[in-house]
Amino acid sequence: MTDKARLVYSTEHGQIGKTMSGKDKKKATPPAAAASIKNPAKQGIRIGRESKGRGGKTVCVISGLDLPEEALKKLLKKLKSQLGTGGSIKNSCIEIQGDHREKLLILLEKDGHKAKLAGG
């Protein structure tokens, strides 16, 4: 097999190095970005517990919140004051110091967010 005839496969764009007909080009275009979730009850919010890379300290990470930065800050402040602990926002995820997963689940459900516990 020569170098010119060798096919390469990519999961993102399909086969590369092969000419595509007009019909196949339409299928190969990546899908449009999904619209932002407007209903907070339908977000995929997960509450996980992490301790790696933190000197043995445990934090609860709330991920999947599709909220603007200001709304995240307000939610963080509310959760920190109700739990009496510290926390921060990193990579659009809320990190709360300590293991408060059960309490966070109750507080988020009271606030109208449907959340699930992740991990063990």
Protein backbone atom coordinates (compact mmCIF):
# COMPACT_ATOMS: atom_id res chain seq x y z
CA MET A 1 0.00 0.00 0.00
CA THR A 2 1.47 3.38 -0.92
CA ASP A 3 1.45 6.48 1.27
CA LYS A 4 -1.06 8.23 -0.99
CA ALA A 5 -3.60 5.39 -0.76
CA ARG A 6 -3.35 5.05 3.04
CA LEU A 7 -6.58 6.03 4.85
CA VAL A 8 -6.55 7.72 8.22
CA TYR A 9 -9.57 7.67 10.51
CA SER A 10 -10.61 10.39 12.92
CA THR A 11 -13.59 10.10 15.24
CA GLU A 12 -14.28 13.80 14.85
CA HIS A 13 -14.41 14.11 11.07
CA GLY A 14 -14.54 10.52 9.82
CA GLN A 15 -12.08 9.28 7.23
CA ILE A 16 -9.40 11.75 6.16
CA GLY A 17 -7.50 11.58 2.92
CA LYS A 18 -10.47 10.33 0.95
CA THR A 19 -12.42 12.64 -1.29
CA MET A 20 -16.06 12.91 -0.33
CA SER A 21 -19.01 13.44 -2.57
CA GLY A 22 -21.38 16.36 -1.91
CA LYS A 23 -23.82 14.11 -0.08
CA ASP A 24 -21.14 12.85 2.36
CA LYS A 25 -19.82 16.36 3.07
CA LYS A 26 -23.15 17.33 4.62
CA LYS A 27 -22.93 14.41 7.05
CA ALA A 28 -19.33 15.20 8.02
CA THR A 29 -20.02 18.73 9.26
CA PRO A 30 -19.91 18.95 13.04
CA PRO A 31 -23.26 19.55 14.78
CA ALA A 32 -24.15 23.05 15.88
CA ALA A 33 -23.51 23.99 19.49
CA ALA A 34 -26.40 23.12 21.75
CA ALA A 35 -28.46 26.01 23.02
CA SER A 36 -27.83 26.92 26.64
CA ILE A 37 -30.14 25.28 29.13
CA LYS A 38 -32.62 27.82 30.40
CA ASN A 39 -34.53 25.64 32.84
CA PRO A 40 -32.33 24.98 35.92
CA ALA A 41 -34.42 21.93 36.84
CA LYS A 42 -33.21 20.15 33.68
CA GLN A 43 -29.47 20.74 34.10
CA GLY A 44 -27.11 17.82 34.66
CA ILE A 45 -25.79 19.00 38.02
CA ARG A 46 -23.47 16.59 39.85
CA ILE A 47 -22.18 16.89 43.40
CA GLY A 48 -18.91 15.01 43.80
CA ARG A 49 -16.28 14.64 46.49
CA GLU A 50 -12.56 15.09 45.77
CA SER A 51 -9.44 15.00 47.89
CA LYS A 52 -6.61 14.37 45.42
CA GLY A 53 -4.05 17.13 45.08
CA ARG A 54 -5.39 19.00 48.10
CA GLY A 55 -3.15 17.73 50.87
CA GLY A 56 -5.76 15.24 52.07
CA LYS A 57 -8.45 17.88 52.48
CA THR A 58 -11.89 17.00 51.13
CA VAL A 59 -13.93 19.33 48.94
CA CYS A 60 -17.34 18.96 47.31
CA VAL A 61 -17.38 19.90 43.63
CA ILE A 62 -20.66 21.01 42.05
CA SER A 63 -20.34 20.66 38.28
CA GLY A 64 -22.76 21.01 35.39
CA LEU A 65 -24.16 24.38 36.40
CA ASP A 66 -24.98 26.31 33.24
CA LEU A 67 -25.20 29.71 34.89
CA PRO A 68 -23.54 33.06 34.15
CA GLU A 69 -20.58 34.10 36.30
CA GLU A 70 -22.61 36.50 38.46
CA ALA A 71 -25.25 33.86 39.22
CA LEU A 72 -22.51 31.37 40.16
CA LYS A 73 -21.02 33.89 42.58
CA LYS A 74 -24.41 34.53 44.20
CA LEU A 75 -25.08 30.79 44.54
CA LEU A 76 -21.59 30.22 46.00
CA LYS A 77 -22.08 32.97 48.57
CA LYS A 78 -25.47 31.56 49.56
CA LEU A 79 -24.13 28.00 49.94
CA LYS A 80 -21.07 29.11 51.90
CA SER A 81 -23.17 31.14 54.35
CA GLN A 82 -25.69 28.33 54.88
CA LEU A 83 -22.99 25.71 55.44
CA GLY A 84 -20.59 27.93 57.39
CA THR A 85 -17.61 26.93 55.29
CA GLY A 86 -15.32 28.25 52.56
CA GLY A 87 -15.44 27.70 48.85
CA SER A 88 -14.50 29.00 45.42
CA ILE A 89 -15.33 28.85 41.72
CA LYS A 90 -12.88 27.04 39.44
CA ASN A 91 -13.55 26.18 35.76
CA SER A 92 -17.28 26.99 36.10
CA CYS A 93 -17.53 24.51 38.99
CA ILE A 94 -18.28 25.42 42.58
CA GLU A 95 -15.92 23.93 45.18
CA ILE A 96 -17.08 23.83 48.81
CA GLN A 97 -14.61 22.90 51.56
CA GLY A 98 -15.49 19.77 53.52
CA ASP A 99 -17.80 16.84 52.87
CA HIS A 100 -21.28 18.41 52.69
CA ARG A 101 -22.75 16.47 49.78
CA GLU A 102 -26.07 15.58 51.43
CA LYS A 103 -26.62 19.12 52.71
CA LEU A 104 -25.68 20.58 49.30
CA LEU A 105 -28.20 18.30 47.60
CA ILE A 106 -30.98 19.55 49.87
CA LEU A 107 -29.96 23.21 49.50
CA LEU A 108 -29.77 23.01 45.70
CA GLU A 109 -33.16 21.31 45.47
CA LYS A 110 -34.68 24.06 47.66
CA ASP A 111 -33.18 26.60 45.26
CA GLY A 112 -34.85 24.88 42.26
CA HIS A 113 -31.86 22.97 40.86
CA LYS A 114 -32.16 19.24 40.25
CA ALA A 115 -28.86 17.70 41.34
CA LYS A 116 -27.47 14.19 41.80
CA LEU A 117 -24.71 12.78 43.95
CA ALA A 118 -21.72 11.56 41.94
CA GLY A 119 -19.03 9.14 43.02
CA GLY A 120 -18.82 7.16 46.22
